[in-house]
Amino acid sequence: MTNERNGTLYVGVTSDIARRAWEHRSGLVEGFTKRYGLKRLVYAERHERIEDAIHREKRIKSWRRNWKLELIEGQNPKWDDLYKTLI
């Protein structure tokens, strides 16, 4: 999640991405995303096992910022909000 291109980034894991993205967009989730207005879903990965998703989340969180930006831009160069593809 982000607030704008090259803006603040949030990495998380969920079993229901459409619901979770909607919660962030609606400001229902207290914490980091609400504080910084992170409402745009610009990157997502699907995993069959939650353990794999959690492991990937932890790896990405430990990355340098420029690596995260390259990951996003490799899949979504215009930083389009992907939420509309979920509903």
PDB file of N, CA and C in Angstrom:
ATOM      1  N   MET A   1       0.851  -1.163   0.000  1.00  0.00           N
ATOM      2  CA  MET A   1       0.000   0.000   0.000  1.00  0.00           C
ATOM      3  C   MET A   1       0.899   1.229   0.000  1.00  0.00           C
ATOM      4  N   THR A   2       0.402   2.296  -0.602  1.00  0.00           N
ATOM      5  CA  THR A   2       1.120   3.559  -0.623  1.00  0.00           C
ATOM      6  C   THR A   2       0.122   4.703  -0.676  1.00  0.00           C
ATOM      7  N   ASN A   3       0.646   5.913  -0.552  1.00  0.00           N
ATOM      8  CA  ASN A   3      -0.204   7.095  -0.663  1.00  0.00           C
ATOM      9  C   ASN A   3      -0.017   7.779  -2.015  1.00  0.00           C
ATOM     10  N   GLU A   4       1.141   7.573  -2.643  1.00  0.00           N
ATOM     11  CA  GLU A   4       1.432   8.184  -3.935  1.00  0.00           C
ATOM     12  C   GLU A   4       2.653   7.503  -4.540  1.00  0.00           C
ATOM     13  N   ARG A   5       2.915   7.781  -5.793  1.00  0.00           N
ATOM     14  CA  ARG A   5       4.098   7.224  -6.450  1.00  0.00           C
ATOM     15  C   ARG A   5       5.333   7.623  -5.666  1.00  0.00           C
ATOM     16  N   ASN A   6       6.178   6.645  -5.380  1.00  0.00           N
ATOM     17  CA  ASN A   6       7.412   6.855  -4.616  1.00  0.00           C
ATOM     18  C   ASN A   6       7.149   7.383  -3.208  1.00  0.00           C
ATOM     19  N   GLY A   7       5.946   7.202  -2.714  1.00  0.00           N
ATOM     20  CA  GLY A   7       5.588   7.678  -1.381  1.00  0.00           C
ATOM     21  C   GLY A   7       5.904   6.650  -0.313  1.00  0.00           C
ATOM     22  N   THR A   8       5.253   6.800   0.816  1.00  0.00           N
ATOM     23  CA  THR A   8       5.417   5.878   1.932  1.00  0.00           C
ATOM     24  C   THR A   8       4.899   4.503   1.526  1.00  0.00           C
ATOM     25  N   LEU A   9       5.607   3.459   1.933  1.00  0.00           N
ATOM     26  CA  LEU A   9       5.235   2.095   1.566  1.00  0.00           C
ATOM     27  C   LEU A   9       4.857   1.284   2.791  1.00  0.00           C
ATOM     28  N   TYR A  10       3.886   0.392   2.607  1.00  0.00           N
ATOM     29  CA  TYR A  10       3.475  -0.547   3.644  1.00  0.00           C
ATOM     30  C   TYR A  10       3.434  -1.939   3.040  1.00  0.00           C
ATOM     31  N   VAL A  11       4.018  -2.888   3.723  1.00  0.00           N
ATOM     32  CA  VAL A  11       4.010  -4.284   3.291  1.00  0.00           C
ATOM     33  C   VAL A  11       3.262  -5.089   4.346  1.00  0.00           C
ATOM     34  N   GLY A  12       2.314  -5.893   3.916  1.00  0.00           N
ATOM     35  CA  GLY A  12       1.555  -6.702   4.856  1.00  0.00           C
ATOM     36  C   GLY A  12       1.130  -8.014   4.226  1.00  0.00           C
ATOM     37  N   VAL A  13       0.502  -8.848   5.018  1.00  0.00           N
ATOM     38  CA  VAL A  13       0.021 -10.137   4.541  1.00  0.00           C
ATOM     39  C   VAL A  13      -1.429 -10.317   5.001  1.00  0.00           C
ATOM     40  N   THR A  14      -2.221 -10.974   4.171  1.00  0.00           N
ATOM     41  CA  THR A  14      -3.624 -11.219   4.489  1.00  0.00           C
ATOM     42  C   THR A  14      -4.118 -12.441   3.730  1.00  0.00           C
ATOM     43  N   SER A  15      -5.175 -13.035   4.223  1.00  0.00           N
ATOM     44  CA  SER A  15      -5.795 -14.152   3.502  1.00  0.00           C
ATOM     45  C   SER A  15      -6.927 -13.664   2.602  1.00  0.00           C
ATOM     46  N   ASP A  16      -7.288 -12.383   2.706  1.00  0.00           N
ATOM     47  CA  ASP A  16      -8.364 -11.809   1.893  1.00  0.00           C
ATOM     48  C   ASP A  16      -7.957 -10.402   1.469  1.00  0.00           C
ATOM     49  N   ILE A  17      -7.249 -10.311   0.352  1.00  0.00           N
ATOM     50  CA  ILE A  17      -6.682  -9.034  -0.061  1.00  0.00           C
ATOM     51  C   ILE A  17      -7.741  -7.992  -0.419  1.00  0.00           C
ATOM     52  N   ALA A  18      -8.837  -8.407  -1.014  1.00  0.00           N
ATOM     53  CA  ALA A  18      -9.880  -7.438  -1.363  1.00  0.00           C
ATOM     54  C   ALA A  18     -10.457  -6.794  -0.108  1.00  0.00           C
ATOM     55  N   ARG A  19     -10.763  -7.603   0.891  1.00  0.00           N
ATOM     56  CA  ARG A  19     -11.293  -7.076   2.146  1.00  0.00           C
ATOM     57  C   ARG A  19     -10.280  -6.180   2.835  1.00  0.00           C
ATOM     58  N   ARG A  20      -9.043  -6.646   2.918  1.00  0.00           N
ATOM     59  CA  ARG A  20      -8.013  -5.889   3.626  1.00  0.00           C
ATOM     60  C   ARG A  20      -7.715  -4.566   2.930  1.00  0.00           C
ATOM     61  N   ALA A  21      -7.634  -4.565   1.609  1.00  0.00           N
ATOM     62  CA  ALA A  21      -7.400  -3.320   0.873  1.00  0.00           C
ATOM     63  C   ALA A  21      -8.562  -2.357   1.103  1.00  0.00           C
ATOM     64  N   TRP A  22      -9.787  -2.870   1.107  1.00  0.00           N
ATOM     65  CA  TRP A  22     -10.951  -2.024   1.354  1.00  0.00           C
ATOM     66  C   TRP A  22     -10.876  -1.408   2.755  1.00  0.00           C
ATOM     67  N   GLU A  23     -10.475  -2.207   3.749  1.00  0.00           N
ATOM     68  CA  GLU A  23     -10.340  -1.684   5.118  1.00  0.00           C
ATOM     69  C   GLU A  23      -9.326  -0.549   5.172  1.00  0.00           C
ATOM     70  N   HIS A  24      -8.200  -0.712   4.509  1.00  0.00           N
ATOM     71  CA  HIS A  24      -7.196   0.355   4.485  1.00  0.00           C
ATOM     72  C   HIS A  24      -7.737   1.590   3.767  1.00  0.00           C
ATOM     73  N   ARG A  25      -8.369   1.383   2.635  1.00  0.00           N
ATOM     74  CA  ARG A  25      -8.914   2.507   1.851  1.00  0.00           C
ATOM     75  C   ARG A  25      -9.986   3.263   2.629  1.00  0.00           C
ATOM     76  N   SER A  26     -10.740   2.538   3.432  1.00  0.00           N
ATOM     77  CA  SER A  26     -11.834   3.149   4.191  1.00  0.00           C
ATOM     78  C   SER A  26     -11.378   3.753   5.510  1.00  0.00           C
ATOM     79  N   GLY A  27     -10.111   3.576   5.855  1.00  0.00           N
ATOM     80  CA  GLY A  27      -9.596   4.114   7.110  1.00  0.00           C
ATOM     81  C   GLY A  27     -10.060   3.350   8.333  1.00  0.00           C
ATOM     82  N   LEU A  28     -10.433   2.095   8.153  1.00  0.00           N
ATOM     83  CA  LEU A  28     -10.945   1.287   9.263  1.00  0.00           C
ATOM     84  C   LEU A  28      -9.836   0.666  10.105  1.00  0.00           C
ATOM     85  N   VAL A  29      -8.632   0.635   9.566  1.00  0.00           N
ATOM     86  CA  VAL A  29      -7.516  -0.006  10.253  1.00  0.00           C
ATOM     87  C   VAL A  29      -6.674   1.053  10.945  1.00  0.00           C
ATOM     88  N   GLU A  30      -6.657   1.022  12.272  1.00  0.00           N
ATOM     89  CA  GLU A  30      -5.830   1.952  13.027  1.00  0.00           C
ATOM     90  C   GLU A  30      -4.361   1.605  12.829  1.00  0.00           C
ATOM     91  N   GLY A  31      -3.518   2.594  12.847  1.00  0.00           N
ATOM     92  CA  GLY A  31      -2.081   2.322  12.778  1.00  0.00           C
ATOM     93  C   GLY A  31      -1.415   3.024  11.617  1.00  0.00           C
ATOM     94  N   PHE A  32      -0.363   2.395  11.137  1.00  0.00           N
ATOM     95  CA  PHE A  32       0.540   2.985  10.151  1.00  0.00           C
ATOM     96  C   PHE A  32      -0.182   3.438   8.891  1.00  0.00           C
ATOM     97  N   THR A  33      -0.994   2.560   8.292  1.00  0.00           N
ATOM     98  CA  THR A  33      -1.633   2.917   7.019  1.00  0.00           C
ATOM     99  C   THR A  33      -2.603   4.077   7.171  1.00  0.00           C
ATOM    100  N   LYS A  34      -3.328   4.112   8.270  1.00  0.00           N
ATOM    101  CA  LYS A  34      -4.263   5.218   8.488  1.00  0.00           C
ATOM    102  C   LYS A  34      -3.511   6.513   8.769  1.00  0.00           C
ATOM    103  N   ARG A  35      -2.479   6.431   9.595  1.00  0.00           N
ATOM    104  CA  ARG A  35      -1.696   7.616   9.963  1.00  0.00           C
ATOM    105  C   ARG A  35      -1.094   8.293   8.737  1.00  0.00           C
ATOM    106  N   TYR A  36      -0.630   7.497   7.774  1.00  0.00           N
ATOM    107  CA  TYR A  36       0.036   8.053   6.597  1.00  0.00           C
ATOM    108  C   TYR A  36      -0.844   8.085   5.345  1.00  0.00           C
ATOM    109  N   GLY A  37      -2.099   7.735   5.479  1.00  0.00           N
ATOM    110  CA  GLY A  37      -3.029   7.814   4.350  1.00  0.00           C
ATOM    111  C   GLY A  37      -2.690   6.864   3.210  1.00  0.00           C
ATOM    112  N   LEU A  38      -2.295   5.655   3.550  1.00  0.00           N
ATOM    113  CA  LEU A  38      -1.907   4.681   2.531  1.00  0.00           C
ATOM    114  C   LEU A  38      -3.149   3.936   2.058  1.00  0.00           C
ATOM    115  N   LYS A  39      -3.632   4.307   0.889  1.00  0.00           N
ATOM    116  CA  LYS A  39      -4.896   3.764   0.393  1.00  0.00           C
ATOM    117  C   LYS A  39      -4.788   3.120  -0.978  1.00  0.00           C
ATOM    118  N   ARG A  40      -3.617   3.195  -1.589  1.00  0.00           N
ATOM    119  CA  ARG A  40      -3.442   2.663  -2.941  1.00  0.00           C
ATOM    120  C   ARG A  40      -2.690   1.349  -2.911  1.00  0.00           C
ATOM    121  N   LEU A  41      -3.306   0.318  -3.450  1.00  0.00           N
ATOM    122  CA  LEU A  41      -2.663  -0.978  -3.592  1.00  0.00           C
ATOM    123  C   LEU A  41      -1.900  -0.968  -4.914  1.00  0.00           C
ATOM    124  N   VAL A  42      -0.576  -1.045  -4.848  1.00  0.00           N
ATOM    125  CA  VAL A  42       0.214  -0.949  -6.072  1.00  0.00           C
ATOM    126  C   VAL A  42       0.984  -2.225  -6.392  1.00  0.00           C
ATOM    127  N   TYR A  43       0.970  -3.187  -5.473  1.00  0.00           N
ATOM    128  CA  TYR A  43       1.669  -4.449  -5.719  1.00  0.00           C
ATOM    129  C   TYR A  43       1.051  -5.525  -4.836  1.00  0.00           C
ATOM    130  N   ALA A  44       0.961  -6.725  -5.381  1.00  0.00           N
ATOM    131  CA  ALA A  44       0.451  -7.859  -4.602  1.00  0.00           C
ATOM    132  C   ALA A  44       1.024  -9.144  -5.170  1.00  0.00           C
ATOM    133  N   GLU A  45       1.180 -10.106  -4.297  1.00  0.00           N
ATOM    134  CA  GLU A  45       1.600 -11.451  -4.678  1.00  0.00           C
ATOM    135  C   GLU A  45       0.619 -12.430  -4.054  1.00  0.00           C
ATOM    136  N   ARG A  46       0.363 -13.522  -4.759  1.00  0.00           N
ATOM    137  CA  ARG A  46      -0.484 -14.583  -4.216  1.00  0.00           C
ATOM    138  C   ARG A  46       0.401 -15.774  -3.868  1.00  0.00           C
ATOM    139  N   HIS A  47       0.096 -16.399  -2.750  1.00  0.00           N
ATOM    140  CA  HIS A  47       0.816 -17.596  -2.305  1.00  0.00           C
ATOM    141  C   HIS A  47      -0.205 -18.643  -1.890  1.00  0.00           C
ATOM    142  N   GLU A  48       0.090 -19.887  -2.166  1.00  0.00           N
ATOM    143  CA  GLU A  48      -0.804 -20.975  -1.809  1.00  0.00           C
ATOM    144  C   GLU A  48      -0.828 -21.212  -0.300  1.00  0.00           C
ATOM    145  N   ARG A  49       0.314 -21.070   0.343  1.00  0.00           N
ATOM    146  CA  ARG A  49       0.411 -21.339   1.779  1.00  0.00           C
ATOM    147  C   ARG A  49       0.691 -20.061   2.546  1.00  0.00           C
ATOM    148  N   ILE A  50      -0.007 -19.853   3.647  1.00  0.00           N
ATOM    149  CA  ILE A  50       0.176 -18.650   4.448  1.00  0.00           C
ATOM    150  C   ILE A  50       1.609 -18.545   4.966  1.00  0.00           C
ATOM    151  N   GLU A  51       2.219 -19.676   5.243  1.00  0.00           N
ATOM    152  CA  GLU A  51       3.613 -19.661   5.719  1.00  0.00           C
ATOM    153  C   GLU A  51       4.548 -19.054   4.672  1.00  0.00           C
ATOM    154  N   ASP A  52       4.286 -19.350   3.406  1.00  0.00           N
ATOM    155  CA  ASP A  52       5.098 -18.779   2.327  1.00  0.00           C
ATOM    156  C   ASP A  52       4.861 -17.277   2.217  1.00  0.00           C
ATOM    157  N   ALA A  53       3.621 -16.860   2.374  1.00  0.00           N
ATOM    158  CA  ALA A  53       3.295 -15.434   2.308  1.00  0.00           C
ATOM    159  C   ALA A  53       3.964 -14.666   3.442  1.00  0.00           C
ATOM    160  N   ILE A  54       3.930 -15.214   4.629  1.00  0.00           N
ATOM    161  CA  ILE A  54       4.554 -14.562   5.783  1.00  0.00           C
ATOM    162  C   ILE A  54       6.064 -14.473   5.599  1.00  0.00           C
ATOM    163  N   HIS A  55       6.660 -15.535   5.112  1.00  0.00           N
ATOM    164  CA  HIS A  55       8.104 -15.535   4.857  1.00  0.00           C
ATOM    165  C   HIS A  55       8.468 -14.465   3.830  1.00  0.00           C
ATOM    166  N   ARG A  56       7.701 -14.374   2.754  1.00  0.00           N
ATOM    167  CA  ARG A  56       7.953 -13.360   1.712  1.00  0.00           C
ATOM    168  C   ARG A  56       7.768 -11.955   2.274  1.00  0.00           C
ATOM    169  N   GLU A  57       6.731 -11.748   3.070  1.00  0.00           N
ATOM    170  CA  GLU A  57       6.492 -10.440   3.690  1.00  0.00           C
ATOM    171  C   GLU A  57       7.707 -10.020   4.516  1.00  0.00           C
ATOM    172  N   LYS A  58       8.213 -10.906   5.331  1.00  0.00           N
ATOM    173  CA  LYS A  58       9.366 -10.587   6.173  1.00  0.00           C
ATOM    174  C   LYS A  58      10.603 -10.265   5.336  1.00  0.00           C
ATOM    175  N   ARG A  59      10.788 -11.007   4.254  1.00  0.00           N
ATOM    176  CA  ARG A  59      11.932 -10.730   3.373  1.00  0.00           C
ATOM    177  C   ARG A  59      11.813  -9.350   2.748  1.00  0.00           C
ATOM    178  N   ILE A  60      10.643  -9.038   2.204  1.00  0.00           N
ATOM    179  CA  ILE A  60      10.461  -7.736   1.549  1.00  0.00           C
ATOM    180  C   ILE A  60      10.607  -6.600   2.551  1.00  0.00           C
ATOM    181  N   LYS A  61      10.081  -6.771   3.755  1.00  0.00           N
ATOM    182  CA  LYS A  61      10.211  -5.729   4.774  1.00  0.00           C
ATOM    183  C   LYS A  61      11.671  -5.425   5.104  1.00  0.00           C
ATOM    184  N   SER A  62      12.539  -6.414   4.950  1.00  0.00           N
ATOM    185  CA  SER A  62      13.954  -6.212   5.272  1.00  0.00           C
ATOM    186  C   SER A  62      14.746  -5.599   4.111  1.00  0.00           C
ATOM    187  N   TRP A  63      14.115  -5.491   2.949  1.00  0.00           N
ATOM    188  CA  TRP A  63      14.796  -4.955   1.774  1.00  0.00           C
ATOM    189  C   TRP A  63      15.053  -3.463   1.892  1.00  0.00           C
ATOM    190  N   ARG A  64      16.013  -3.006   1.104  1.00  0.00           N
ATOM    191  CA  ARG A  64      16.242  -1.564   0.937  1.00  0.00           C
ATOM    192  C   ARG A  64      15.072  -0.986   0.158  1.00  0.00           C
ATOM    193  N   ARG A  65      14.824   0.283   0.390  1.00  0.00           N
ATOM    194  CA  ARG A  65      13.703   0.954  -0.262  1.00  0.00           C
ATOM    195  C   ARG A  65      13.784   0.849  -1.788  1.00  0.00           C
ATOM    196  N   ASN A  66      14.959   1.067  -2.357  1.00  0.00           N
ATOM    197  CA  ASN A  66      15.067   1.052  -3.822  1.00  0.00           C
ATOM    198  C   ASN A  66      14.733  -0.327  -4.392  1.00  0.00           C
ATOM    199  N   TRP A  67      14.982  -1.393  -3.656  1.00  0.00           N
ATOM    200  CA  TRP A  67      14.610  -2.725  -4.124  1.00  0.00           C
ATOM    201  C   TRP A  67      13.093  -2.858  -4.167  1.00  0.00           C
ATOM    202  N   LYS A  68      12.425  -2.305  -3.166  1.00  0.00           N
ATOM    203  CA  LYS A  68      10.952  -2.351  -3.136  1.00  0.00           C
ATOM    204  C   LYS A  68      10.376  -1.557  -4.304  1.00  0.00           C
ATOM    205  N   LEU A  69      10.966  -0.388  -4.573  1.00  0.00           N
ATOM    206  CA  LEU A  69      10.496   0.434  -5.685  1.00  0.00           C
ATOM    207  C   LEU A  69      10.682  -0.307  -7.014  1.00  0.00           C
ATOM    208  N   GLU A  70      11.808  -0.981  -7.178  1.00  0.00           N
ATOM    209  CA  GLU A  70      12.050  -1.750  -8.398  1.00  0.00           C
ATOM    210  C   GLU A  70      11.051  -2.899  -8.534  1.00  0.00           C
ATOM    211  N   LEU A  71      10.707  -3.539  -7.432  1.00  0.00           N
ATOM    212  CA  LEU A  71       9.724  -4.616  -7.456  1.00  0.00           C
ATOM    213  C   LEU A  71       8.373  -4.094  -7.934  1.00  0.00           C
ATOM    214  N   ILE A  72       7.941  -2.978  -7.366  1.00  0.00           N
ATOM    215  CA  ILE A  72       6.660  -2.374  -7.763  1.00  0.00           C
ATOM    216  C   ILE A  72       6.691  -1.976  -9.232  1.00  0.00           C
ATOM    217  N   GLU A  73       7.721  -1.242  -9.630  1.00  0.00           N
ATOM    218  CA  GLU A  73       7.771  -0.727 -10.993  1.00  0.00           C
ATOM    219  C   GLU A  73       7.958  -1.823 -12.030  1.00  0.00           C
ATOM    220  N   GLY A  74       8.512  -2.964 -11.630  1.00  0.00           N
ATOM    221  CA  GLY A  74       8.631  -4.091 -12.554  1.00  0.00           C
ATOM    222  C   GLY A  74       7.273  -4.662 -12.930  1.00  0.00           C
ATOM    223  N   GLN A  75       6.306  -4.588 -12.037  1.00  0.00           N
ATOM    224  CA  GLN A  75       4.961  -5.122 -12.278  1.00  0.00           C
ATOM    225  C   GLN A  75       3.929  -4.036 -12.570  1.00  0.00           C
ATOM    226  N   ASN A  76       4.182  -2.834 -12.071  1.00  0.00           N
ATOM    227  CA  ASN A  76       3.191  -1.766 -12.146  1.00  0.00           C
ATOM    228  C   ASN A  76       3.919  -0.430 -12.368  1.00  0.00           C
ATOM    229  N   PRO A  77       4.484  -0.215 -13.552  1.00  0.00           N
ATOM    230  CA  PRO A  77       5.311   0.965 -13.795  1.00  0.00           C
ATOM    231  C   PRO A  77       4.585   2.300 -13.632  1.00  0.00           C
ATOM    232  N   LYS A  78       3.269   2.314 -13.789  1.00  0.00           N
ATOM    233  CA  LYS A  78       2.511   3.557 -13.634  1.00  0.00           C
ATOM    234  C   LYS A  78       1.990   3.748 -12.208  1.00  0.00           C
ATOM    235  N   TRP A  79       2.261   2.779 -11.332  1.00  0.00           N
ATOM    236  CA  TRP A  79       1.774   2.806  -9.951  1.00  0.00           C
ATOM    237  C   TRP A  79       0.242   2.927  -9.919  1.00  0.00           C
ATOM    238  N   ASP A  80      -0.426   2.235 -10.822  1.00  0.00           N
ATOM    239  CA  ASP A  80      -1.889   2.222 -10.832  1.00  0.00           C
ATOM    240  C   ASP A  80      -2.401   1.586  -9.550  1.00  0.00           C
ATOM    241  N   ASP A  81      -3.563   2.040  -9.103  1.00  0.00           N
ATOM    242  CA  ASP A  81      -4.210   1.443  -7.933  1.00  0.00           C
ATOM    243  C   ASP A  81      -4.838   0.127  -8.390  1.00  0.00           C
ATOM    244  N   LEU A  82      -4.352  -0.977  -7.850  1.00  0.00           N
ATOM    245  CA  LEU A  82      -4.809  -2.299  -8.258  1.00  0.00           C
ATOM    246  C   LEU A  82      -6.087  -2.747  -7.555  1.00  0.00           C
ATOM    247  N   TYR A  83      -6.584  -1.938  -6.664  1.00  0.00           N
ATOM    248  CA  TYR A  83      -7.793  -2.315  -5.925  1.00  0.00           C
ATOM    249  C   TYR A  83      -8.935  -2.622  -6.890  1.00  0.00           C
ATOM    250  N   LYS A  84      -9.058  -1.824  -7.928  1.00  0.00           N
ATOM    251  CA  LYS A  84     -10.164  -2.021  -8.876  1.00  0.00           C
ATOM    252  C   LYS A  84     -10.091  -3.374  -9.580  1.00  0.00           C
ATOM    253  N   THR A  85      -8.924  -3.998  -9.608  1.00  0.00           N
ATOM    254  CA  THR A  85      -8.805  -5.327 -10.229  1.00  0.00           C
ATOM    255  C   THR A  85      -9.263  -6.429  -9.279  1.00  0.00           C
ATOM    256  N   LEU A  86      -9.474  -6.098  -8.009  1.00  0.00           N
ATOM    257  CA  LEU A  86      -9.873  -7.090  -7.003  1.00  0.00           C
ATOM    258  C   LEU A  86     -11.375  -7.209  -6.865  1.00  0.00           C
ATOM    259  N   ILE A  87     -12.100  -6.151  -7.241  1.00  0.00           N
ATOM    260  CA  ILE A  87     -13.547  -6.131  -7.002  1.00  0.00           C
ATOM    261  C   ILE A  87     -14.334  -6.454  -8.264  1.00  0.00           C
TER     262      ILE A  87
END
